[in-house]
PDB file of N, CA and C in Angstrom:
ATOM      1  N   MET A   1       0.849  -1.173   0.000  1.00  0.00           N
ATOM      2  CA  MET A   1       0.000   0.000   0.000  1.00  0.00           C
ATOM      3  C   MET A   1       0.898   1.241   0.000  1.00  0.00           C
ATOM      4  N   THR A   2       0.644   2.155  -0.919  1.00  0.00           N
ATOM      5  CA  THR A   2       1.436   3.369  -1.036  1.00  0.00           C
ATOM      6  C   THR A   2       0.821   4.471  -0.198  1.00  0.00           C
ATOM      7  N   LYS A   3       1.668   5.149   0.548  1.00  0.00           N
ATOM      8  CA  LYS A   3       1.206   6.250   1.387  1.00  0.00           C
ATOM      9  C   LYS A   3       1.070   7.495   0.520  1.00  0.00           C
ATOM     10  N   ARG A   4      -0.081   8.135   0.550  1.00  0.00           N
ATOM     11  CA  ARG A   4      -0.326   9.328  -0.242  1.00  0.00           C
ATOM     12  C   ARG A   4       0.216  10.554   0.489  1.00  0.00           C
ATOM     13  N   ARG A   5       1.054  11.326  -0.217  1.00  0.00           N
ATOM     14  CA  ARG A   5       1.658  12.526   0.377  1.00  0.00           C
ATOM     15  C   ARG A   5       0.743  13.714   0.137  1.00  0.00           C
ATOM     16  N   THR A   6       0.425  14.439   1.185  1.00  0.00           N
ATOM     17  CA  THR A   6      -0.382  15.638   1.076  1.00  0.00           C
ATOM     18  C   THR A   6       0.525  16.790   0.654  1.00  0.00           C
ATOM     19  N   LYS A   7       0.051  17.582  -0.318  1.00  0.00           N
ATOM     20  CA  LYS A   7       0.830  18.732  -0.755  1.00  0.00           C
ATOM     21  C   LYS A   7       0.885  19.770   0.352  1.00  0.00           C
ATOM     22  N   SER A   8       2.031  20.433   0.468  1.00  0.00           N
ATOM     23  CA  SER A   8       2.152  21.498   1.455  1.00  0.00           C
ATOM     24  C   SER A   8       1.316  22.694   1.007  1.00  0.00           C
ATOM     25  N   LEU A   9       1.047  23.592   1.939  1.00  0.00           N
ATOM     26  CA  LEU A   9       0.279  24.795   1.619  1.00  0.00           C
ATOM     27  C   LEU A   9       0.984  25.604   0.538  1.00  0.00           C
ATOM     28  N   THR A  10       2.310  25.740   0.632  1.00  0.00           N
ATOM     29  CA  THR A  10       3.030  26.524  -0.371  1.00  0.00           C
ATOM     30  C   THR A  10       2.946  25.860  -1.749  1.00  0.00           C
ATOM     31  N   ASP A  11       3.008  24.533  -1.799  1.00  0.00           N
ATOM     32  CA  ASP A  11       2.845  23.835  -3.080  1.00  0.00           C
ATOM     33  C   ASP A  11       1.454  24.086  -3.661  1.00  0.00           C
ATOM     34  N   GLN A  12       0.455  24.100  -2.797  1.00  0.00           N
ATOM     35  CA  GLN A  12      -0.909  24.333  -3.264  1.00  0.00           C
ATOM     36  C   GLN A  12      -1.094  25.760  -3.774  1.00  0.00           C
ATOM     37  N   VAL A  13      -0.465  26.728  -3.104  1.00  0.00           N
ATOM     38  CA  VAL A  13      -0.555  28.124  -3.553  1.00  0.00           C
ATOM     39  C   VAL A  13       0.166  28.281  -4.887  1.00  0.00           C
ATOM     40  N   ARG A  14       1.338  27.667  -5.017  1.00  0.00           N
ATOM     41  CA  ARG A  14       2.058  27.714  -6.298  1.00  0.00           C
ATOM     42  C   ARG A  14       1.198  27.116  -7.417  1.00  0.00           C
ATOM     43  N   GLN A  15       0.542  26.009  -7.133  1.00  0.00           N
ATOM     44  CA  GLN A  15      -0.327  25.376  -8.129  1.00  0.00           C
ATOM     45  C   GLN A  15      -1.489  26.293  -8.489  1.00  0.00           C
ATOM     46  N   ALA A  16      -2.043  26.984  -7.500  1.00  0.00           N
ATOM     47  CA  ALA A  16      -3.140  27.924  -7.757  1.00  0.00           C
ATOM     48  C   ALA A  16      -2.671  29.086  -8.638  1.00  0.00           C
ATOM     49  N   ILE A  17      -1.434  29.534  -8.425  1.00  0.00           N
ATOM     50  CA  ILE A  17      -0.868  30.591  -9.281  1.00  0.00           C
ATOM     51  C   ILE A  17      -0.782  30.083 -10.712  1.00  0.00           C
ATOM     52  N   ASP A  18      -0.265  28.879 -10.891  1.00  0.00           N
ATOM     53  CA  ASP A  18      -0.157  28.291 -12.224  1.00  0.00           C
ATOM     54  C   ASP A  18      -1.532  28.132 -12.881  1.00  0.00           C
ATOM     55  N   ASP A  19      -2.495  27.651 -12.109  1.00  0.00           N
ATOM     56  CA  ASP A  19      -3.830  27.366 -12.638  1.00  0.00           C
ATOM     57  C   ASP A  19      -4.660  28.616 -12.905  1.00  0.00           C
ATOM     58  N   SER A  20      -4.260  29.746 -12.316  1.00  0.00           N
ATOM     59  CA  SER A  20      -5.079  30.965 -12.427  1.00  0.00           C
ATOM     60  C   SER A  20      -5.102  31.547 -13.832  1.00  0.00           C
ATOM     61  N   GLY A  21      -4.057  31.280 -14.602  1.00  0.00           N
ATOM     62  CA  GLY A  21      -3.974  31.873 -15.930  1.00  0.00           C
ATOM     63  C   GLY A  21      -3.502  33.324 -15.898  1.00  0.00           C
ATOM     64  N   LEU A  22      -3.209  33.831 -14.696  1.00  0.00           N
ATOM     65  CA  LEU A  22      -2.723  35.202 -14.554  1.00  0.00           C
ATOM     66  C   LEU A  22      -1.202  35.205 -14.585  1.00  0.00           C
ATOM     67  N   THR A  23      -0.639  36.282 -15.094  1.00  0.00           N
ATOM     68  CA  THR A  23       0.815  36.416 -15.041  1.00  0.00           C
ATOM     69  C   THR A  23       1.222  36.775 -13.617  1.00  0.00           C
ATOM     70  N   ARG A  24       2.456  36.480 -13.280  1.00  0.00           N
ATOM     71  CA  ARG A  24       2.941  36.858 -11.949  1.00  0.00           C
ATOM     72  C   ARG A  24       2.994  38.376 -11.824  1.00  0.00           C
ATOM     73  N   TYR A  25       3.218  39.072 -12.936  1.00  0.00           N
ATOM     74  CA  TYR A  25       3.200  40.538 -12.932  1.00  0.00           C
ATOM     75  C   TYR A  25       1.823  41.039 -12.499  1.00  0.00           C
ATOM     76  N   ARG A  26       0.772  40.476 -13.088  1.00  0.00           N
ATOM     77  CA  ARG A  26      -0.590  40.909 -12.752  1.00  0.00           C
ATOM     78  C   ARG A  26      -0.941  40.557 -11.307  1.00  0.00           C
ATOM     79  N   ILE A  27      -0.555  39.372 -10.879  1.00  0.00           N
ATOM     80  CA  ILE A  27      -0.818  38.975  -9.495  1.00  0.00           C
ATOM     81  C   ILE A  27      -0.110  39.927  -8.540  1.00  0.00           C
ATOM     82  N   ALA A  28       1.132  40.276  -8.852  1.00  0.00           N
ATOM     83  CA  ALA A  28       1.884  41.212  -8.006  1.00  0.00           C
ATOM     84  C   ALA A  28       1.161  42.555  -7.932  1.00  0.00           C
ATOM     85  N   LYS A  29       0.690  43.050  -9.054  1.00  0.00           N
ATOM     86  CA  LYS A  29      -0.004  44.339  -9.073  1.00  0.00           C
ATOM     87  C   LYS A  29      -1.312  44.282  -8.285  1.00  0.00           C
ATOM     88  N   GLU A  30      -2.066  43.208  -8.426  1.00  0.00           N
ATOM     89  CA  GLU A  30      -3.365  43.088  -7.756  1.00  0.00           C
ATOM     90  C   GLU A  30      -3.236  42.851  -6.254  1.00  0.00           C
ATOM     91  N   THR A  31      -2.127  42.261  -5.830  1.00  0.00           N
ATOM     92  CA  THR A  31      -1.951  41.953  -4.403  1.00  0.00           C
ATOM     93  C   THR A  31      -1.131  42.994  -3.664  1.00  0.00           C
ATOM     94  N   GLY A  32      -0.401  43.811  -4.406  1.00  0.00           N
ATOM     95  CA  GLY A  32       0.481  44.780  -3.764  1.00  0.00           C
ATOM     96  C   GLY A  32       1.828  44.197  -3.390  1.00  0.00           C
ATOM     97  N   LEU A  33       2.068  42.946  -3.758  1.00  0.00           N
ATOM     98  CA  LEU A  33       3.371  42.329  -3.516  1.00  0.00           C
ATOM     99  C   LEU A  33       4.330  42.756  -4.621  1.00  0.00           C
ATOM    100  N   SER A  34       5.600  42.835  -4.293  1.00  0.00           N
ATOM    101  CA  SER A  34       6.565  43.131  -5.354  1.00  0.00           C
ATOM    102  C   SER A  34       6.744  41.871  -6.203  1.00  0.00           C
ATOM    103  N   GLU A  35       7.104  42.072  -7.441  1.00  0.00           N
ATOM    104  CA  GLU A  35       7.355  40.925  -8.315  1.00  0.00           C
ATOM    105  C   GLU A  35       8.491  40.070  -7.764  1.00  0.00           C
ATOM    106  N   ALA A  36       9.503  40.710  -7.178  1.00  0.00           N
ATOM    107  CA  ALA A  36      10.639  39.977  -6.616  1.00  0.00           C
ATOM    108  C   ALA A  36      10.182  39.072  -5.473  1.00  0.00           C
ATOM    109  N   THR A  37       9.324  39.593  -4.598  1.00  0.00           N
ATOM    110  CA  THR A  37       8.807  38.800  -3.477  1.00  0.00           C
ATOM    111  C   THR A  37       8.012  37.614  -3.982  1.00  0.00           C
ATOM    112  N   LEU A  38       7.137  37.859  -4.944  1.00  0.00           N
ATOM    113  CA  LEU A  38       6.311  36.785  -5.498  1.00  0.00           C
ATOM    114  C   LEU A  38       7.185  35.740  -6.193  1.00  0.00           C
ATOM    115  N   SER A  39       8.188  36.187  -6.923  1.00  0.00           N
ATOM    116  CA  SER A  39       9.080  35.272  -7.619  1.00  0.00           C
ATOM    117  C   SER A  39       9.873  34.417  -6.642  1.00  0.00           C
ATOM    118  N   LYS A  40      10.397  35.032  -5.582  1.00  0.00           N
ATOM    119  CA  LYS A  40      11.174  34.280  -4.587  1.00  0.00           C
ATOM    120  C   LYS A  40      10.296  33.259  -3.869  1.00  0.00           C
ATOM    121  N   PHE A  41       9.044  33.624  -3.589  1.00  0.00           N
ATOM    122  CA  PHE A  41       8.125  32.658  -2.987  1.00  0.00           C
ATOM    123  C   PHE A  41       7.882  31.500  -3.947  1.00  0.00           C
ATOM    124  N   TYR A  42       7.598  31.838  -5.194  1.00  0.00           N
ATOM    125  CA  TYR A  42       7.284  30.828  -6.196  1.00  0.00           C
ATOM    126  C   TYR A  42       8.437  29.845  -6.379  1.00  0.00           C
ATOM    127  N   LEU A  43       9.661  30.347  -6.300  1.00  0.00           N
ATOM    128  CA  LEU A  43      10.850  29.504  -6.472  1.00  0.00           C
ATOM    129  C   LEU A  43      11.264  28.793  -5.181  1.00  0.00           C
ATOM    130  N   GLY A  44      10.543  29.049  -4.091  1.00  0.00           N
ATOM    131  CA  GLY A  44      10.846  28.389  -2.826  1.00  0.00           C
ATOM    132  C   GLY A  44      12.001  29.011  -2.069  1.00  0.00           C
ATOM    133  N   GLN A  45      12.352  30.247  -2.412  1.00  0.00           N
ATOM    134  CA  GLN A  45      13.477  30.909  -1.767  1.00  0.00           C
ATOM    135  C   GLN A  45      13.078  31.725  -0.548  1.00  0.00           C
ATOM    136  N   ARG A  46      11.786  31.936  -0.344  1.00  0.00           N
ATOM    137  CA  ARG A  46      11.320  32.670   0.836  1.00  0.00           C
ATOM    138  C   ARG A  46       9.858  32.350   1.073  1.00  0.00           C
ATOM    139  N   GLY A  47       9.420  32.634   2.292  1.00  0.00           N
ATOM    140  CA  GLY A  47       8.026  32.458   2.640  1.00  0.00           C
ATOM    141  C   GLY A  47       7.274  33.771   2.477  1.00  0.00           C
ATOM    142  N   LEU A  48       6.012  33.747   2.824  1.00  0.00           N
ATOM    143  CA  LEU A  48       5.182  34.949   2.760  1.00  0.00           C
ATOM    144  C   LEU A  48       4.526  35.189   4.112  1.00  0.00           C
ATOM    145  N   SER A  49       4.294  36.442   4.412  1.00  0.00           N
ATOM    146  CA  SER A  49       3.586  36.797   5.642  1.00  0.00           C
ATOM    147  C   SER A  49       2.122  36.387   5.505  1.00  0.00           C
ATOM    148  N   MET A  50       1.431  36.365   6.622  1.00  0.00           N
ATOM    149  CA  MET A  50      -0.005  36.065   6.583  1.00  0.00           C
ATOM    150  C   MET A  50      -0.749  37.113   5.760  1.00  0.00           C
ATOM    151  N   GLU A  51      -0.330  38.349   5.871  1.00  0.00           N
ATOM    152  CA  GLU A  51      -0.958  39.424   5.099  1.00  0.00           C
ATOM    153  C   GLU A  51      -0.788  39.166   3.597  1.00  0.00           C
ATOM    154  N   ALA A  52       0.402  38.759   3.197  1.00  0.00           N
ATOM    155  CA  ALA A  52       0.655  38.466   1.789  1.00  0.00           C
ATOM    156  C   ALA A  52      -0.132  37.245   1.328  1.00  0.00           C
ATOM    157  N   LEU A  53      -0.200  36.213   2.175  1.00  0.00           N
ATOM    158  CA  LEU A  53      -0.994  35.033   1.830  1.00  0.00           C
ATOM    159  C   LEU A  53      -2.471  35.380   1.701  1.00  0.00           C
ATOM    160  N   ASN A  54      -2.964  36.248   2.586  1.00  0.00           N
ATOM    161  CA  ASN A  54      -4.353  36.689   2.487  1.00  0.00           C
ATOM    162  C   ASN A  54      -4.600  37.418   1.175  1.00  0.00           C
ATOM    163  N   ALA A  55      -3.676  38.293   0.789  1.00  0.00           N
ATOM    164  CA  ALA A  55      -3.816  39.033  -0.468  1.00  0.00           C
ATOM    165  C   ALA A  55      -3.819  38.070  -1.657  1.00  0.00           C
ATOM    166  N   LEU A  56      -2.941  37.083  -1.631  1.00  0.00           N
ATOM    167  CA  LEU A  56      -2.914  36.080  -2.700  1.00  0.00           C
ATOM    168  C   LEU A  56      -4.215  35.282  -2.733  1.00  0.00           C
ATOM    169  N   GLY A  57      -4.683  34.905  -1.567  1.00  0.00           N
ATOM    170  CA  GLY A  57      -5.937  34.154  -1.486  1.00  0.00           C
ATOM    171  C   GLY A  57      -7.107  34.924  -2.073  1.00  0.00           C
ATOM    172  N   GLU A  58      -7.179  36.200  -1.778  1.00  0.00           N
ATOM    173  CA  GLU A  58      -8.253  37.022  -2.336  1.00  0.00           C
ATOM    174  C   GLU A  58      -8.101  37.172  -3.844  1.00  0.00           C
ATOM    175  N   CYS A  59      -6.899  37.442  -4.300  1.00  0.00           N
ATOM    176  CA  CYS A  59      -6.641  37.627  -5.728  1.00  0.00           C
ATOM    177  C   CYS A  59      -6.976  36.365  -6.526  1.00  0.00           C
ATOM    178  N   LEU A  60      -6.589  35.218  -5.998  1.00  0.00           N
ATOM    179  CA  LEU A  60      -6.776  33.951  -6.700  1.00  0.00           C
ATOM    180  C   LEU A  60      -8.096  33.274  -6.348  1.00  0.00           C
ATOM    181  N   GLU A  61      -8.879  33.930  -5.479  1.00  0.00           N
ATOM    182  CA  GLU A  61     -10.178  33.401  -5.035  1.00  0.00           C
ATOM    183  C   GLU A  61     -10.034  32.005  -4.435  1.00  0.00           C
ATOM    184  N   LEU A  62      -9.079  31.886  -3.489  1.00  0.00           N
ATOM    185  CA  LEU A  62      -8.819  30.608  -2.838  1.00  0.00           C
ATOM    186  C   LEU A  62      -9.663  30.447  -1.587  1.00  0.00           C
ATOM    187  N   THR A  63      -9.995  29.218  -1.295  1.00  0.00           N
ATOM    188  CA  THR A  63     -10.650  28.859  -0.046  1.00  0.00           C
ATOM    189  C   THR A  63      -9.750  27.848   0.642  1.00  0.00           C
ATOM    190  N   ILE A  64      -9.457  28.105   1.891  1.00  0.00           N
ATOM    191  CA  ILE A  64      -8.595  27.197   2.641  1.00  0.00           C
ATOM    192  C   ILE A  64      -9.455  26.367   3.583  1.00  0.00           C
ATOM    193  N   HIS A  65      -9.259  25.060   3.512  1.00  0.00           N
ATOM    194  CA  HIS A  65      -9.960  24.133   4.400  1.00  0.00           C
ATOM    195  C   HIS A  65      -8.949  23.598   5.394  1.00  0.00           C
ATOM    196  N   LEU A  66      -9.211  23.820   6.652  1.00  0.00           N
ATOM    197  CA  LEU A  66      -8.299  23.372   7.691  1.00  0.00           C
ATOM    198  C   LEU A  66      -8.730  22.014   8.216  1.00  0.00           C
ATOM    199  N   GLY A  67      -7.761  21.216   8.509  1.00  0.00           N
ATOM    200  CA  GLY A  67      -8.052  19.911   9.076  1.00  0.00           C
ATOM    201  C   GLY A  67      -6.782  19.319   9.641  1.00  0.00           C
ATOM    202  N   ARG A  68      -6.951  18.362  10.471  1.00  0.00           N
ATOM    203  CA  ARG A  68      -5.790  17.697  11.070  1.00  0.00           C
ATOM    204  C   ARG A  68      -5.574  16.371  10.373  1.00  0.00           C
ATOM    205  N   LYS A  69      -4.303  15.988  10.315  1.00  0.00           N
ATOM    206  CA  LYS A  69      -3.986  14.673   9.800  1.00  0.00           C
ATOM    207  C   LYS A  69      -4.445  13.648  10.829  1.00  0.00           C
ATOM    208  N   PRO A  70      -4.920  12.512  10.381  1.00  0.00           N
ATOM    209  CA  PRO A  70      -5.326  11.483  11.347  1.00  0.00           C
ATOM    210  C   PRO A  70      -4.137  11.051  12.194  1.00  0.00           C
ATOM    211  N   ASP A  71      -4.404  10.719  13.440  1.00  0.00           N
ATOM    212  CA  ASP A  71      -3.369  10.256  14.339  1.00  0.00           C
ATOM    213  C   ASP A  71      -2.992   8.821  13.940  1.00  0.00           C
ATOM    214  N   THR A  72      -1.743   8.664  13.508  1.00  0.00           N
ATOM    215  CA  THR A  72      -1.312   7.322  13.080  1.00  0.00           C
ATOM    216  C   THR A  72      -0.243   6.757  14.005  1.00  0.00           C
ATOM    217  N   LYS A  73      -0.036   7.365  15.139  1.00  0.00           N
ATOM    218  CA  LYS A  73       0.971   6.861  16.077  1.00  0.00           C
ATOM    219  C   LYS A  73       0.587   5.471  16.565  1.00  0.00           C
ATOM    220  N   GLY A  74       1.570   4.602  16.607  1.00  0.00           N
ATOM    221  CA  GLY A  74       1.353   3.263  17.140  1.00  0.00           C
ATOM    222  C   GLY A  74       0.779   2.292  16.126  1.00  0.00           C
ATOM    223  N   GLN A  75       0.685   2.723  14.886  1.00  0.00           N
ATOM    224  CA  GLN A  75       0.132   1.799  13.872  1.00  0.00           C
ATOM    225  C   GLN A  75       1.227   1.159  13.074  1.00  0.00           C
TER     226      GLN A  75
END
């Protein structure tokens, strides 16, 4: 049985950027983030503040669903 790996939040945001059809230039302009900041995040060279993540979420019309991983200790 293969264990399914859950994508990290940053991987999911990067995928949403790709899927949006928007250029990173346009996303930067709509969110108020600099293109350099957005590029470094996209390349995995830096993280984003909660404020920046909120701006990205609004721009890309994202919905975040929170949940805990099942407890698998002792199995």
